[in-house]
Amino acid sequence: MAKAAKSSLAITREQFRTHAPPVVVVINGKEFKVPRKEFSTGSLGWYLSDKMDVTIDGQDVKVQIGLNLTIVGSKDLPQDGGGPAAAPAPVAPTPAAPTPAAPGGTNEKGEADF
């Protein structure tokens, strides 16, 4: 299957933050309001993590729900400073200052050097 060309989005990150409503999904008859989310990858969408019971042959079993709805192409939207902060650039460690000579003719362990 050929990959579709990326399309440009007609919304901004700010529009998503201020106007994207929760998405309502129904799983096995139970309704969930899924809140919007700005993922650490930079993508925009909705995220749900929850648990519910499902009945199998009269027995309830606990299931875990993990749902991501990602707006295709949203990672490529320009950052506008209101979302998750980009990781700061690594800072080179400062070299340690040399240990000054111990006073009075002693070494670092306090031993006299005769």
N, C-alpha and C. Protein backbone atom coordinates (compact mmCIF):
# COMPACT_ATOMS: atom_id res chain seq x y z
N MET A 1 0.85 -1.18 0.00
CA MET A 1 0.00 0.00 0.00
C MET A 1 0.89 1.24 0.00
N ALA A 2 0.59 2.16 -0.88
CA ALA A 2 1.40 3.38 -0.98
C ALA A 2 1.09 4.31 0.17
N LYS A 3 2.11 5.02 0.62
CA LYS A 3 1.95 5.97 1.70
C LYS A 3 1.32 7.25 1.17
N ALA A 4 0.31 7.75 1.87
CA ALA A 4 -0.34 8.98 1.46
C ALA A 4 0.56 10.17 1.75
N ALA A 5 0.47 11.18 0.91
CA ALA A 5 1.25 12.39 1.13
C ALA A 5 0.74 13.09 2.38
N LYS A 6 1.66 13.72 3.13
CA LYS A 6 1.26 14.44 4.33
C LYS A 6 0.41 15.64 3.93
N SER A 7 -0.66 15.85 4.68
CA SER A 7 -1.50 17.01 4.41
C SER A 7 -1.24 18.05 5.49
N SER A 8 -1.43 19.31 5.13
CA SER A 8 -1.25 20.36 6.14
C SER A 8 -2.55 20.50 6.90
N LEU A 9 -2.45 20.79 8.17
CA LEU A 9 -3.63 20.92 9.02
C LEU A 9 -4.16 22.34 8.95
N ALA A 10 -5.47 22.44 9.06
CA ALA A 10 -6.11 23.75 9.00
C ALA A 10 -6.29 24.36 10.38
N ILE A 11 -5.71 23.75 11.42
CA ILE A 11 -5.82 24.30 12.76
C ILE A 11 -4.43 24.56 13.32
N THR A 12 -4.40 25.33 14.39
CA THR A 12 -3.16 25.60 15.09
C THR A 12 -3.20 24.86 16.42
N ARG A 13 -2.06 24.78 17.08
CA ARG A 13 -2.01 24.18 18.41
C ARG A 13 -2.93 24.93 19.38
N GLU A 14 -2.94 26.25 19.28
CA GLU A 14 -3.78 27.06 20.16
C GLU A 14 -5.26 26.77 19.92
N GLN A 15 -5.65 26.60 18.66
CA GLN A 15 -7.04 26.25 18.37
C GLN A 15 -7.39 24.89 18.99
N PHE A 16 -6.47 23.95 18.92
CA PHE A 16 -6.71 22.64 19.52
C PHE A 16 -6.90 22.79 21.03
N ARG A 17 -5.99 23.56 21.67
CA ARG A 17 -6.06 23.73 23.12
C ARG A 17 -7.36 24.38 23.57
N THR A 18 -7.84 25.33 22.83
CA THR A 18 -9.01 26.10 23.28
C THR A 18 -10.34 25.58 22.75
N HIS A 19 -10.33 24.81 21.66
CA HIS A 19 -11.60 24.43 21.05
C HIS A 19 -11.83 22.93 20.87
N ALA A 20 -10.83 22.09 21.08
CA ALA A 20 -11.04 20.65 20.88
C ALA A 20 -11.84 20.08 22.05
N PRO A 21 -13.03 19.57 21.77
CA PRO A 21 -13.85 19.01 22.86
C PRO A 21 -13.39 17.59 23.18
N PRO A 22 -13.80 17.07 24.33
CA PRO A 22 -13.54 15.65 24.59
C PRO A 22 -14.25 14.82 23.52
N VAL A 23 -13.70 13.66 23.22
CA VAL A 23 -14.32 12.74 22.27
C VAL A 23 -15.06 11.69 23.09
N VAL A 24 -16.29 11.41 22.72
CA VAL A 24 -17.08 10.41 23.42
C VAL A 24 -16.95 9.09 22.67
N VAL A 25 -16.53 8.04 23.39
CA VAL A 25 -16.46 6.69 22.81
C VAL A 25 -17.28 5.75 23.69
N VAL A 26 -17.82 4.74 23.06
CA VAL A 26 -18.59 3.74 23.79
C VAL A 26 -17.90 2.40 23.59
N ILE A 27 -17.55 1.76 24.70
CA ILE A 27 -16.89 0.45 24.68
C ILE A 27 -17.77 -0.51 25.45
N ASN A 28 -18.26 -1.51 24.76
CA ASN A 28 -19.10 -2.53 25.38
C ASN A 28 -20.27 -1.92 26.16
N GLY A 29 -20.85 -0.87 25.59
CA GLY A 29 -22.00 -0.24 26.21
C GLY A 29 -21.68 0.83 27.24
N LYS A 30 -20.42 1.01 27.59
CA LYS A 30 -20.04 2.03 28.58
C LYS A 30 -19.48 3.25 27.85
N GLU A 31 -19.99 4.41 28.21
CA GLU A 31 -19.57 5.66 27.57
C GLU A 31 -18.38 6.28 28.31
N PHE A 32 -17.39 6.73 27.55
CA PHE A 32 -16.22 7.41 28.11
C PHE A 32 -16.07 8.75 27.41
N LYS A 33 -15.80 9.81 28.19
CA LYS A 33 -15.44 11.11 27.63
C LYS A 33 -13.92 11.18 27.64
N VAL A 34 -13.33 11.16 26.47
CA VAL A 34 -11.88 11.09 26.34
C VAL A 34 -11.33 12.52 26.22
N PRO A 35 -10.50 12.97 27.17
CA PRO A 35 -9.98 14.34 27.14
C PRO A 35 -8.88 14.51 26.08
N ARG A 36 -8.76 15.73 25.61
CA ARG A 36 -7.70 16.04 24.64
C ARG A 36 -6.34 15.94 25.34
N LYS A 37 -5.30 15.75 24.52
CA LYS A 37 -3.96 15.60 25.09
C LYS A 37 -2.92 16.08 24.09
N GLU A 38 -1.89 16.71 24.62
CA GLU A 38 -0.70 17.03 23.83
C GLU A 38 0.34 16.00 24.24
N PHE A 39 0.66 15.10 23.34
CA PHE A 39 1.58 14.01 23.64
C PHE A 39 3.01 14.52 23.71
N SER A 40 3.85 13.80 24.44
CA SER A 40 5.26 14.20 24.60
C SER A 40 6.00 14.20 23.27
N THR A 41 5.45 13.50 22.29
CA THR A 41 6.07 13.46 20.95
C THR A 41 5.82 14.74 20.17
N GLY A 42 4.88 15.57 20.67
CA GLY A 42 4.51 16.79 19.96
C GLY A 42 3.19 16.64 19.20
N SER A 43 2.68 15.43 19.11
CA SER A 43 1.40 15.20 18.43
C SER A 43 0.25 15.65 19.32
N LEU A 44 -0.87 15.93 18.67
CA LEU A 44 -2.10 16.33 19.36
C LEU A 44 -3.15 15.25 19.18
N GLY A 45 -4.03 15.10 20.18
CA GLY A 45 -5.09 14.12 20.05
C GLY A 45 -5.83 13.94 21.35
N TRP A 46 -6.30 12.72 21.58
CA TRP A 46 -7.07 12.37 22.76
C TRP A 46 -6.51 11.10 23.35
N TYR A 47 -6.58 10.95 24.67
CA TYR A 47 -5.99 9.80 25.35
C TYR A 47 -6.89 9.32 26.47
N LEU A 48 -7.06 8.00 26.53
CA LEU A 48 -7.85 7.39 27.59
C LEU A 48 -7.09 6.20 28.16
N SER A 49 -7.02 6.14 29.48
CA SER A 49 -6.49 4.99 30.19
C SER A 49 -7.45 4.72 31.34
N ASP A 50 -8.07 3.53 31.32
CA ASP A 50 -9.08 3.23 32.33
C ASP A 50 -9.21 1.71 32.45
N LYS A 51 -10.07 1.28 33.34
CA LYS A 51 -10.37 -0.14 33.51
C LYS A 51 -11.87 -0.29 33.55
N MET A 52 -12.34 -1.46 33.13
CA MET A 52 -13.77 -1.76 33.19
C MET A 52 -13.95 -3.26 33.28
N ASP A 53 -15.16 -3.66 33.63
CA ASP A 53 -15.48 -5.09 33.68
C ASP A 53 -16.16 -5.50 32.39
N VAL A 54 -15.82 -6.70 31.91
CA VAL A 54 -16.46 -7.32 30.77
C VAL A 54 -16.96 -8.69 31.25
N THR A 55 -18.18 -9.01 30.91
CA THR A 55 -18.75 -10.28 31.35
C THR A 55 -18.52 -11.35 30.30
N ILE A 56 -17.94 -12.47 30.74
CA ILE A 56 -17.70 -13.62 29.88
C ILE A 56 -18.36 -14.83 30.54
N ASP A 57 -19.34 -15.39 29.87
CA ASP A 57 -20.03 -16.58 30.38
C ASP A 57 -20.50 -16.38 31.82
N GLY A 58 -21.06 -15.18 32.09
CA GLY A 58 -21.59 -14.90 33.42
C GLY A 58 -20.56 -14.45 34.44
N GLN A 59 -19.30 -14.43 34.06
CA GLN A 59 -18.22 -14.02 34.99
C GLN A 59 -17.66 -12.66 34.55
N ASP A 60 -17.55 -11.75 35.52
CA ASP A 60 -16.93 -10.45 35.22
C ASP A 60 -15.42 -10.58 35.24
N VAL A 61 -14.79 -10.04 34.21
CA VAL A 61 -13.32 -9.96 34.17
C VAL A 61 -12.94 -8.50 34.01
N LYS A 62 -11.88 -8.11 34.68
CA LYS A 62 -11.39 -6.73 34.61
C LYS A 62 -10.51 -6.59 33.37
N VAL A 63 -10.78 -5.56 32.57
CA VAL A 63 -9.95 -5.28 31.40
C VAL A 63 -9.37 -3.87 31.52
N GLN A 64 -8.22 -3.69 30.92
CA GLN A 64 -7.57 -2.39 30.92
C GLN A 64 -7.75 -1.77 29.54
N ILE A 65 -8.09 -0.49 29.53
CA ILE A 65 -8.32 0.24 28.28
C ILE A 65 -7.15 1.20 28.06
N GLY A 66 -6.59 1.17 26.88
CA GLY A 66 -5.59 2.14 26.47
C GLY A 66 -5.98 2.62 25.09
N LEU A 67 -6.31 3.90 24.96
CA LEU A 67 -6.80 4.42 23.69
C LEU A 67 -6.08 5.72 23.35
N ASN A 68 -5.46 5.76 22.20
CA ASN A 68 -4.85 6.97 21.66
C ASN A 68 -5.56 7.34 20.38
N LEU A 69 -6.00 8.57 20.27
CA LEU A 69 -6.51 9.11 19.01
C LEU A 69 -5.57 10.25 18.66
N THR A 70 -4.82 10.09 17.60
CA THR A 70 -3.80 11.07 17.24
C THR A 70 -4.19 11.76 15.94
N ILE A 71 -4.14 13.08 15.93
CA ILE A 71 -4.43 13.84 14.72
C ILE A 71 -3.25 13.66 13.78
N VAL A 72 -3.53 13.08 12.62
CA VAL A 72 -2.47 12.79 11.64
C VAL A 72 -1.82 14.11 11.21
N GLY A 73 -0.50 14.16 11.30
CA GLY A 73 0.26 15.33 10.89
C GLY A 73 0.41 16.40 11.96
N SER A 74 -0.19 16.20 13.13
CA SER A 74 -0.15 17.25 14.15
C SER A 74 1.24 17.45 14.74
N LYS A 75 2.08 16.43 14.70
CA LYS A 75 3.44 16.58 15.23
C LYS A 75 4.20 17.66 14.46
N ASP A 76 3.84 17.85 13.19
CA ASP A 76 4.55 18.80 12.34
C ASP A 76 4.06 20.24 12.48
N LEU A 77 3.01 20.46 13.28
CA LEU A 77 2.54 21.83 13.50
C LEU A 77 3.62 22.63 14.23
N PRO A 78 3.78 23.90 13.89
CA PRO A 78 4.78 24.71 14.60
C PRO A 78 4.46 24.81 16.08
N GLN A 79 5.49 24.79 16.90
CA GLN A 79 5.33 24.98 18.34
C GLN A 79 5.06 26.47 18.57
N ASP A 80 4.13 26.77 19.48
CA ASP A 80 3.83 28.17 19.74
C ASP A 80 4.07 28.58 21.18
N GLY A 81 4.77 27.74 21.93
CA GLY A 81 5.15 28.10 23.28
C GLY A 81 4.13 27.78 24.34
N GLY A 82 2.94 27.28 23.98
CA GLY A 82 1.93 27.01 25.00
C GLY A 82 1.82 25.56 25.38
N GLY A 83 2.53 24.69 24.69
CA GLY A 83 2.38 23.27 24.95
C GLY A 83 3.50 22.73 25.80
N PRO A 84 3.70 21.42 25.74
CA PRO A 84 4.79 20.83 26.51
C PRO A 84 6.12 21.43 26.07
N ALA A 85 6.94 21.73 27.01
CA ALA A 85 8.23 22.34 26.71
C ALA A 85 9.12 21.33 26.00
N ALA A 86 9.85 21.84 25.02
CA ALA A 86 10.83 20.99 24.35
C ALA A 86 11.95 20.68 25.32
N ALA A 87 12.57 19.55 25.12
CA ALA A 87 13.66 19.16 26.02
C ALA A 87 14.80 20.16 25.87
N PRO A 88 15.35 20.63 26.98
CA PRO A 88 16.44 21.59 26.89
C PRO A 88 17.69 20.94 26.29
N ALA A 89 18.48 21.76 25.64
CA ALA A 89 19.72 21.25 25.06
C ALA A 89 20.65 20.80 26.18
N PRO A 90 21.36 19.69 25.95
CA PRO A 90 22.26 19.22 27.01
C PRO A 90 23.37 20.23 27.28
N VAL A 91 23.73 20.35 28.52
CA VAL A 91 24.78 21.28 28.93
C VAL A 91 26.01 20.45 29.29
N ALA A 92 27.15 20.86 28.73
CA ALA A 92 28.39 20.16 29.03
C ALA A 92 28.75 20.37 30.50
N PRO A 93 29.18 19.30 31.18
CA PRO A 93 29.54 19.47 32.59
C PRO A 93 30.76 20.37 32.74
N THR A 94 30.75 21.14 33.81
CA THR A 94 31.87 22.02 34.11
C THR A 94 32.97 21.18 34.76
N PRO A 95 34.20 21.29 34.24
CA PRO A 95 35.26 20.50 34.87
C PRO A 95 35.45 20.90 36.33
N ALA A 96 35.72 19.92 37.15
CA ALA A 96 35.93 20.18 38.58
C ALA A 96 37.22 20.97 38.78
N ALA A 97 37.17 21.88 39.74
CA ALA A 97 38.37 22.66 40.06
C ALA A 97 39.37 21.73 40.75
N PRO A 98 40.66 21.94 40.48
CA PRO A 98 41.65 21.09 41.15
C PRO A 98 41.60 21.30 42.66
N THR A 99 41.89 20.24 43.40
CA THR A 99 41.90 20.32 44.86
C THR A 99 43.11 21.14 45.29
N PRO A 100 42.87 22.18 46.10
CA PRO A 100 44.01 23.00 46.54
C PRO A 100 44.91 22.19 47.47
N ALA A 101 46.15 22.56 47.46
CA ALA A 101 47.12 21.89 48.33
C ALA A 101 46.74 22.13 49.79
N ALA A 102 46.90 21.09 50.58
CA ALA A 102 46.59 21.21 52.00
C ALA A 102 47.62 22.12 52.66
N PRO A 103 47.19 22.94 53.63
CA PRO A 103 48.13 23.86 54.28
C PRO A 103 49.10 23.12 55.21
N GLY A 104 50.20 23.76 55.46
CA GLY A 104 51.16 23.30 56.46
C GLY A 104 51.94 22.06 56.06
N GLY A 105 52.16 21.82 54.77
CA GLY A 105 52.99 20.70 54.36
C GLY A 105 52.31 19.35 54.53
N THR A 106 50.99 19.30 54.51
CA THR A 106 50.30 18.01 54.60
C THR A 106 49.64 17.71 53.27
N ASN A 107 49.40 16.43 53.02
CA ASN A 107 48.71 16.06 51.79
C ASN A 107 47.20 16.10 52.01
N GLU A 108 46.43 15.62 50.99
CA GLU A 108 44.98 15.67 51.06
C GLU A 108 44.41 14.85 52.23
N LYS A 109 45.15 13.83 52.67
CA LYS A 109 44.68 12.98 53.78
C LYS A 109 45.09 13.55 55.13
N GLY A 110 45.76 14.68 55.13
CA GLY A 110 46.19 15.28 56.38
C GLY A 110 47.51 14.69 56.87
N GLU A 111 48.19 13.91 56.05
CA GLU A 111 49.47 13.32 56.45
C GLU A 111 50.59 14.31 56.17
N ALA A 112 51.49 14.39 57.13
CA ALA A 112 52.64 15.30 56.96
C ALA A 112 53.62 14.71 55.99
N ASP A 113 54.18 15.59 55.17
CA ASP A 113 55.16 15.15 54.18
C ASP A 113 56.50 15.71 54.60
N PHE A 114 57.40 14.82 55.18
CA PHE A 114 58.70 15.26 55.65
C PHE A 114 59.77 14.90 54.67
